[in-house]
């Protein structure tokens, strides 16, 4: 159940009153003060890290932040969603990836806003370990991916997701159980599909370009997600 704005404001007032009353008790007051200081410290640390990542990756930070796209409704929605996640202590181990996505959200204009927002949701959902495994799978399979707007060899096989083969390929770097768990996580987030590619027909509708009856494959959607969160050199917006 979600709260409307009036209910949310009232809730915040009640929280403030409750904390004020509870703070009159010595032990409780110390706990509240300590918790608030702890949360403030985490916020300030994460904000500083966000700014450091941006300064490292963007040549002209002021120009980047003043971009016209970030002033549009889509840009505001995307920017707020990314910054909210980047400042969340639960996602601190993925903070740099959120900043990469923020930068790429401005520069990768071939992606529509829904795709960008979906990629942020996927990034929030996936563990850092699974994202690391995914990056290595990307390097193994990217050459076989069918790209909609790029020429490729249509005769080549689609990049099949074979759990056993991938575990064997990556087991020098990760434990097999971790790889298997990561693959399940990727599958659960919709990064694999039995459709190898889609092609736009004459009427603007998409038709299947091939795939498997039951097996899963690495797709252009997956590749675009990985590329969207990759570390890149400094950008000039």
Protein backbone atom coordinates (compact mmCIF):
# COMPACT_ATOMS: atom_id res chain seq x y z
CA UNK A 1 0.00 0.00 0.00
CA UNK A 2 1.48 3.38 -1.00
CA UNK A 3 1.00 6.68 0.79
CA UNK A 4 -0.24 9.76 -1.02
CA UNK A 5 1.64 13.06 -0.56
CA UNK A 6 -0.60 14.29 2.28
CA UNK A 7 -0.27 10.99 4.14
CA UNK A 8 3.48 10.95 3.56
CA UNK A 9 3.83 14.48 5.00
CA UNK A 10 1.75 13.49 8.02
CA UNK A 11 3.84 10.36 8.47
CA UNK A 12 7.04 12.44 8.50
CA UNK A 13 5.55 14.77 11.12
CA UNK A 14 4.59 11.81 13.30
CA UNK A 15 8.09 10.37 12.94
CA UNK A 16 9.59 13.70 13.97
CA UNK A 17 7.28 14.03 16.99
CA UNK A 18 7.93 10.45 18.07
CA UNK A 19 11.69 10.89 17.83
CA UNK A 20 11.48 14.16 19.77
CA UNK A 21 9.48 12.53 22.56
CA UNK A 22 11.66 9.44 22.67
CA UNK A 23 14.82 11.53 22.82
CA UNK A 24 13.80 12.65 26.31
CA UNK A 25 14.78 9.17 27.52
CA UNK A 26 18.60 9.19 27.96
CA UNK A 27 19.45 5.83 26.37
CA UNK A 28 16.93 6.18 23.54
CA UNK A 29 18.04 9.75 22.87
CA UNK A 30 21.65 8.62 22.51
CA UNK A 31 20.62 5.84 20.14
CA UNK A 32 18.60 8.23 17.94
CA UNK A 33 21.41 10.80 17.85
CA UNK A 34 23.91 8.09 16.98
CA UNK A 35 21.69 6.64 14.23
CA UNK A 36 21.04 10.04 12.65
CA UNK A 37 24.74 10.88 12.72
CA UNK A 38 25.56 7.49 11.19
CA UNK A 39 23.03 7.95 8.36
CA UNK A 40 24.28 11.48 7.69
CA UNK A 41 27.86 10.25 7.59
CA UNK A 42 26.98 7.53 5.06
CA UNK A 43 25.07 10.01 2.89
CA UNK A 44 27.95 12.50 2.86
CA UNK A 45 30.47 9.74 2.06
CA UNK A 46 28.41 8.42 -0.82
CA UNK A 47 27.77 11.92 -2.18
CA UNK A 48 31.51 12.60 -2.15
CA UNK A 49 32.18 9.33 -4.00
CA UNK A 50 29.52 10.13 -6.61
CA UNK A 51 31.13 13.50 -7.29
CA UNK A 52 34.60 11.92 -7.48
CA UNK A 53 33.42 9.33 -10.03
CA UNK A 54 31.81 12.04 -12.13
CA UNK A 55 34.94 14.20 -12.05
CA UNK A 56 37.05 11.21 -13.11
CA UNK A 57 34.81 10.28 -16.03
CA UNK A 58 33.45 13.59 -17.34
CA UNK A 59 35.75 16.23 -18.82
CA UNK A 60 33.43 19.17 -18.18
CA UNK A 61 31.25 18.39 -15.16
CA UNK A 62 29.31 21.67 -15.21
CA UNK A 63 28.46 21.25 -18.90
CA UNK A 64 27.41 17.66 -18.27
CA UNK A 65 25.09 18.54 -15.38
CA UNK A 66 23.63 21.49 -17.35
CA UNK A 67 22.71 19.24 -20.29
CA UNK A 68 19.35 20.09 -21.84
CA UNK A 69 18.24 16.45 -21.72
CA UNK A 70 18.49 16.39 -17.91
CA UNK A 71 16.03 19.31 -17.91
CA UNK A 72 13.38 17.35 -19.81
CA UNK A 73 10.80 15.19 -18.02
CA UNK A 74 12.51 12.01 -19.24
CA UNK A 75 15.92 13.31 -18.25
CA UNK A 76 14.76 14.33 -14.77
CA UNK A 77 13.08 10.98 -14.24
CA UNK A 78 16.18 9.08 -15.31
CA UNK A 79 18.65 11.31 -13.44
CA UNK A 80 16.69 11.20 -10.19
CA UNK A 81 16.34 7.42 -10.40
CA UNK A 82 20.08 6.94 -10.91
CA UNK A 83 21.22 9.40 -8.23
CA UNK A 84 18.75 7.95 -5.72
CA UNK A 85 20.28 4.50 -6.28
CA UNK A 86 23.86 5.80 -6.30
CA UNK A 87 23.38 7.42 -2.88
CA UNK A 88 21.73 4.35 -1.38
CA UNK A 89 24.12 2.65 1.06
CA UNK A 90 22.75 -0.77 0.05
CA UNK A 91 24.09 -0.27 -3.48
CA UNK A 92 27.46 1.22 -2.52
CA UNK A 93 29.34 -1.69 -4.12
CA UNK A 94 27.68 -0.82 -7.47
CA UNK A 95 27.95 2.95 -7.17
CA UNK A 96 30.46 3.37 -10.00
CA UNK A 97 28.22 1.36 -12.33
CA UNK A 98 25.30 3.71 -11.59
CA UNK A 99 27.52 6.67 -12.48
CA UNK A 100 28.54 4.97 -15.72
CA UNK A 101 24.83 4.55 -16.47
CA UNK A 102 24.17 8.21 -15.68
CA UNK A 103 26.85 9.27 -18.17
CA UNK A 104 25.73 6.80 -20.81
CA UNK A 105 22.10 7.79 -20.29
CA UNK A 106 22.98 11.17 -21.74
CA UNK A 107 25.24 9.98 -24.55
CA UNK A 108 23.53 6.78 -25.76
CA UNK A 109 20.66 8.32 -27.70
CA UNK A 110 19.86 5.11 -29.58
CA UNK A 111 18.23 3.83 -26.37
CA UNK A 112 14.77 5.07 -25.50
CA UNK A 113 13.93 6.24 -21.98
CA UNK A 114 12.03 3.05 -21.09
CA UNK A 115 15.11 0.96 -21.90
CA UNK A 116 17.33 3.22 -19.82
CA UNK A 117 14.97 3.03 -16.84
CA UNK A 118 14.67 -0.73 -17.22
CA UNK A 119 18.45 -1.09 -17.19
CA UNK A 120 18.61 0.88 -13.92
CA UNK A 121 16.01 -1.47 -12.42
CA UNK A 122 18.07 -4.48 -13.52
CA UNK A 123 21.24 -2.92 -12.09
CA UNK A 124 19.49 -2.36 -8.75
CA UNK A 125 18.25 -5.96 -8.68
CA UNK A 126 21.49 -7.75 -9.53
CA UNK A 127 24.37 -8.46 -7.14
CA UNK A 128 27.85 -7.18 -7.88
CA UNK A 129 29.11 -10.76 -8.14
CA UNK A 130 26.57 -11.56 -10.85
CA UNK A 131 27.43 -8.37 -12.72
CA UNK A 132 31.11 -9.35 -12.70
CA UNK A 133 30.27 -12.79 -14.09
CA UNK A 134 28.02 -11.17 -16.70
CA UNK A 135 30.85 -8.89 -17.85
CA UNK A 136 33.03 -11.94 -18.53
CA UNK A 137 30.19 -13.75 -20.32
CA UNK A 138 29.76 -10.63 -22.44
CA UNK A 139 33.40 -10.84 -23.54
CA UNK A 140 32.93 -14.51 -24.46
CA UNK A 141 29.71 -14.15 -26.47
CA UNK A 142 29.46 -10.59 -27.80
CA UNK A 143 30.83 -11.45 -31.27
CA UNK A 144 27.92 -13.82 -31.87
CA UNK A 145 25.19 -11.35 -30.90
CA UNK A 146 22.89 -10.19 -33.71
CA UNK A 147 22.68 -6.38 -33.62
CA UNK A 148 19.59 -4.84 -35.18
CA UNK A 149 21.29 -1.84 -36.75
CA UNK A 150 24.73 -3.33 -37.38
CA UNK A 151 25.83 -5.72 -40.14
CA UNK A 152 26.64 -9.24 -39.01
CA UNK A 153 26.91 -12.80 -40.22
CA UNK A 154 23.36 -14.16 -40.23
CA UNK A 155 24.72 -17.64 -40.90
CA UNK A 156 26.57 -17.80 -37.58
CA UNK A 157 25.06 -19.53 -34.57
CA UNK A 158 23.24 -17.59 -31.89
CA UNK A 159 25.21 -17.31 -28.61
CA UNK A 160 23.73 -20.16 -26.62
CA UNK A 161 23.65 -19.96 -22.81
CA UNK A 162 25.02 -23.35 -21.81
CA UNK A 163 25.45 -23.45 -18.03
CA UNK A 164 28.02 -26.25 -18.06
CA UNK A 165 30.17 -24.66 -20.77
CA UNK A 166 30.12 -21.27 -19.07
CA UNK A 167 31.00 -22.75 -15.67
CA UNK A 168 33.96 -24.56 -17.23
CA UNK A 169 35.09 -21.40 -19.07
CA UNK A 170 34.94 -19.15 -16.00
CA UNK A 171 35.72 -21.55 -13.14
CA UNK A 172 39.36 -20.44 -12.91
CA UNK A 173 38.07 -17.04 -11.82
CA UNK A 174 34.83 -17.87 -9.96
CA UNK A 175 33.55 -20.86 -8.02
CA UNK A 176 31.11 -22.99 -10.07
CA UNK A 177 28.28 -22.52 -7.58
CA UNK A 178 28.70 -18.74 -7.77
CA UNK A 179 28.61 -18.85 -11.59
CA UNK A 180 25.51 -21.02 -11.58
CA UNK A 181 23.79 -18.71 -9.09
CA UNK A 182 24.75 -15.68 -11.18
CA UNK A 183 23.31 -17.27 -14.33
CA UNK A 184 20.03 -17.93 -12.52
CA UNK A 185 19.97 -14.30 -11.40
CA UNK A 186 20.56 -13.08 -14.97
CA UNK A 187 17.81 -15.32 -16.27
CA UNK A 188 15.44 -14.07 -13.55
CA UNK A 189 16.09 -10.48 -14.63
CA UNK A 190 15.15 -11.22 -18.23
CA UNK A 191 18.65 -11.01 -19.69
CA UNK A 192 18.37 -14.27 -21.64
CA UNK A 193 15.80 -15.25 -24.24
CA UNK A 194 14.96 -18.17 -26.48
CA UNK A 195 14.63 -15.62 -29.33
CA UNK A 196 18.05 -14.92 -30.81
CA UNK A 197 17.05 -11.73 -32.63
CA UNK A 198 14.12 -9.64 -33.78
CA UNK A 199 13.79 -7.95 -37.16
CA UNK A 200 11.47 -5.10 -38.05
CA UNK A 201 9.12 -5.92 -40.91
CA UNK A 202 7.66 -3.68 -43.60
CA UNK A 203 4.72 -2.60 -41.44
CA UNK A 204 6.96 -1.61 -38.54
CA UNK A 205 6.17 -4.69 -36.47
CA UNK A 206 8.92 -6.99 -35.25
CA UNK A 207 9.20 -10.62 -36.31
CA UNK A 208 11.44 -13.33 -34.90
CA UNK A 209 14.80 -13.61 -36.59
CA UNK A 210 15.44 -17.07 -35.17
CA UNK A 211 16.22 -18.73 -31.88
CA UNK A 212 15.65 -21.90 -29.89
CA UNK A 213 12.57 -23.85 -28.87
CA UNK A 214 13.55 -24.06 -25.20
CA UNK A 215 17.23 -23.09 -24.82
CA UNK A 216 18.27 -19.55 -23.87
CA UNK A 217 20.71 -17.26 -25.66
CA UNK A 218 22.65 -14.07 -25.08
CA UNK A 219 20.86 -11.25 -26.90
CA UNK A 220 21.31 -7.70 -28.09
CA UNK A 221 19.23 -6.56 -25.11
CA UNK A 222 21.75 -8.18 -22.75
CA UNK A 223 24.68 -6.70 -24.65
CA UNK A 224 23.17 -3.22 -24.51
CA UNK A 225 22.66 -3.53 -20.75
CA UNK A 226 26.30 -4.52 -20.19
CA UNK A 227 27.54 -1.70 -22.42
CA UNK A 228 25.26 0.75 -20.62
CA UNK A 229 26.99 0.16 -17.28
CA UNK A 230 30.54 -0.26 -18.55
CA UNK A 231 33.37 1.96 -17.40
CA UNK A 232 34.29 4.38 -20.17
CA UNK A 233 36.91 7.03 -20.74
CA UNK A 234 36.16 10.67 -20.00
CA UNK A 235 33.20 11.94 -21.98
CA UNK A 236 32.64 15.34 -23.47
CA UNK A 237 28.87 15.92 -23.52
